[in-house]
């Protein structure tokens, strides 16, 4: 258990997480994953970004231990909500508020975030 904790901490420090304010960009190693423009589910943009950072840490751990692959990034419908998952790991829920703030539909935004996630994970995992 201690070994896994050290690995996750090492990834977080080594990979250079960035949670910027203003629109709450979530980036890793210079690769932009998401730009959160609105609060949702009772959480501010910044709080959502922090949760995404924690989830990305788990996802990177799973990638580096070969439990999941970048090909397993998918859009799923879970409990009536559109989500992006990596394997069985939830990354983000794409809300109607997110879509309105980006002047698009939930489906279109989910597909944009899906592609961003695939590209960013691939770019940061295979440098």
Protein backbone atom coordinates (compact mmCIF):
# COMPACT_ATOMS: atom_id res chain seq x y z
CA UNK A 1 0.00 0.00 0.00
CA UNK A 2 2.80 2.41 0.86
CA UNK A 3 4.47 1.67 -2.50
CA UNK A 4 1.30 2.65 -4.40
CA UNK A 5 0.99 5.90 -2.43
CA UNK A 6 4.57 6.79 -3.29
CA UNK A 7 3.93 6.02 -6.95
CA UNK A 8 0.86 8.27 -7.09
CA UNK A 9 2.67 11.09 -5.30
CA UNK A 10 5.61 10.67 -7.66
CA UNK A 11 3.34 10.90 -10.69
CA UNK A 12 1.67 14.02 -9.40
CA UNK A 13 4.94 15.80 -8.80
CA UNK A 14 6.77 14.41 -11.81
CA UNK A 15 4.04 15.04 -14.37
CA UNK A 16 3.43 18.67 -13.40
CA UNK A 17 -0.26 19.04 -12.60
CA UNK A 18 -1.85 22.38 -13.27
CA UNK A 19 -5.23 23.51 -12.09
CA UNK A 20 -5.54 27.12 -13.22
CA UNK A 21 -8.25 29.46 -12.04
CA UNK A 22 -10.38 31.86 -14.14
CA UNK A 23 -12.04 29.13 -16.15
CA UNK A 24 -10.40 26.29 -14.22
CA UNK A 25 -8.25 24.59 -16.78
CA UNK A 26 -7.12 21.08 -15.96
CA UNK A 27 -3.78 20.35 -17.61
CA UNK A 28 -0.97 17.86 -17.16
CA UNK A 29 2.52 18.15 -18.59
CA UNK A 30 1.39 21.08 -20.71
CA UNK A 31 -1.52 19.12 -22.20
CA UNK A 32 -4.99 20.63 -21.68
CA UNK A 33 -7.67 18.15 -20.67
CA UNK A 34 -10.63 20.39 -19.82
CA UNK A 35 -11.64 23.98 -19.37
CA UNK A 36 -14.39 24.06 -16.77
CA UNK A 37 -16.44 27.23 -17.18
CA UNK A 38 -19.27 26.64 -14.69
CA UNK A 39 -20.02 25.27 -11.26
CA UNK A 40 -22.00 22.05 -11.16
CA UNK A 41 -23.43 19.64 -8.62
CA UNK A 42 -22.88 22.13 -5.82
CA UNK A 43 -19.17 22.41 -6.64
CA UNK A 44 -17.31 25.47 -7.93
CA UNK A 45 -15.22 25.24 -11.08
CA UNK A 46 -12.11 25.06 -8.91
CA UNK A 47 -13.52 22.26 -6.76
CA UNK A 48 -14.48 20.29 -9.88
CA UNK A 49 -10.95 20.78 -11.23
CA UNK A 50 -9.43 19.49 -7.98
CA UNK A 51 -11.63 16.39 -8.14
CA UNK A 52 -10.56 15.85 -11.75
CA UNK A 53 -6.94 16.10 -10.68
CA UNK A 54 -7.49 13.35 -8.10
CA UNK A 55 -9.25 11.18 -10.68
CA UNK A 56 -6.48 11.76 -13.23
CA UNK A 57 -3.94 10.65 -10.62
CA UNK A 58 -5.83 7.36 -10.24
CA UNK A 59 -6.10 7.02 -14.01
CA UNK A 60 -2.37 7.61 -14.52
CA UNK A 61 -1.61 5.02 -11.85
CA UNK A 62 -3.87 2.55 -13.69
CA UNK A 63 -2.19 3.40 -17.02
CA UNK A 64 1.31 2.92 -15.66
CA UNK A 65 0.40 -0.37 -13.99
CA UNK A 66 -1.29 -1.54 -17.21
CA UNK A 67 -4.76 -1.87 -15.64
CA UNK A 68 -6.22 0.38 -18.38
CA UNK A 69 -5.05 1.77 -21.72
CA UNK A 70 -5.62 5.01 -23.59
CA UNK A 71 -7.85 3.06 -25.99
CA UNK A 72 -10.31 2.58 -23.12
CA UNK A 73 -11.30 6.26 -22.97
CA UNK A 74 -15.04 6.29 -23.73
CA UNK A 75 -18.20 8.34 -23.46
CA UNK A 76 -20.75 6.50 -21.35
CA UNK A 77 -24.27 7.18 -20.17
CA UNK A 78 -24.44 6.47 -16.44
CA UNK A 79 -27.65 7.10 -14.48
CA UNK A 80 -28.92 9.40 -17.24
CA UNK A 81 -25.73 11.48 -17.30
CA UNK A 82 -23.08 11.71 -20.00
CA UNK A 83 -19.67 10.80 -18.62
CA UNK A 84 -16.13 10.20 -19.80
CA UNK A 85 -14.51 7.11 -18.36
CA UNK A 86 -11.15 5.40 -18.71
CA UNK A 87 -11.89 1.73 -18.36
CA UNK A 88 -14.18 1.56 -15.34
CA UNK A 89 -12.78 4.76 -13.84
CA UNK A 90 -15.01 7.83 -14.00
CA UNK A 91 -13.15 10.94 -15.13
CA UNK A 92 -15.80 13.62 -15.65
CA UNK A 93 -19.53 14.16 -16.02
CA UNK A 94 -20.47 16.48 -18.88
CA UNK A 95 -23.43 18.57 -17.76
CA UNK A 96 -26.02 20.67 -19.55
CA UNK A 97 -24.49 23.71 -17.82
CA UNK A 98 -21.06 22.80 -19.24
CA UNK A 99 -22.56 22.53 -22.71
CA UNK A 100 -24.41 25.88 -22.46
CA UNK A 101 -21.26 27.62 -21.21
CA UNK A 102 -19.42 26.24 -24.26
CA UNK A 103 -22.31 27.12 -26.60
CA UNK A 104 -22.80 23.54 -27.73
CA UNK A 105 -24.68 20.35 -26.90
CA UNK A 106 -23.78 17.86 -24.18
CA UNK A 107 -23.06 15.23 -26.82
CA UNK A 108 -20.76 17.49 -28.82
CA UNK A 109 -18.88 18.68 -25.73
CA UNK A 110 -18.51 15.10 -24.48
CA UNK A 111 -16.95 14.14 -27.80
CA UNK A 112 -14.59 17.15 -27.64
CA UNK A 113 -13.53 16.26 -24.11
CA UNK A 114 -13.17 12.62 -25.14
CA UNK A 115 -10.72 13.57 -27.89
CA UNK A 116 -8.87 16.00 -25.59
CA UNK A 117 -8.53 13.22 -23.01
CA UNK A 118 -7.27 10.66 -25.51
CA UNK A 119 -4.74 13.09 -26.96
CA UNK A 120 -3.55 14.39 -23.60
CA UNK A 121 -3.20 10.93 -22.07
CA UNK A 122 -1.32 9.65 -25.10
CA UNK A 123 0.95 12.71 -25.23
CA UNK A 124 1.85 12.60 -21.55
CA UNK A 125 2.16 8.81 -21.25
CA UNK A 126 4.39 8.29 -24.25
CA UNK A 127 6.90 11.14 -24.01
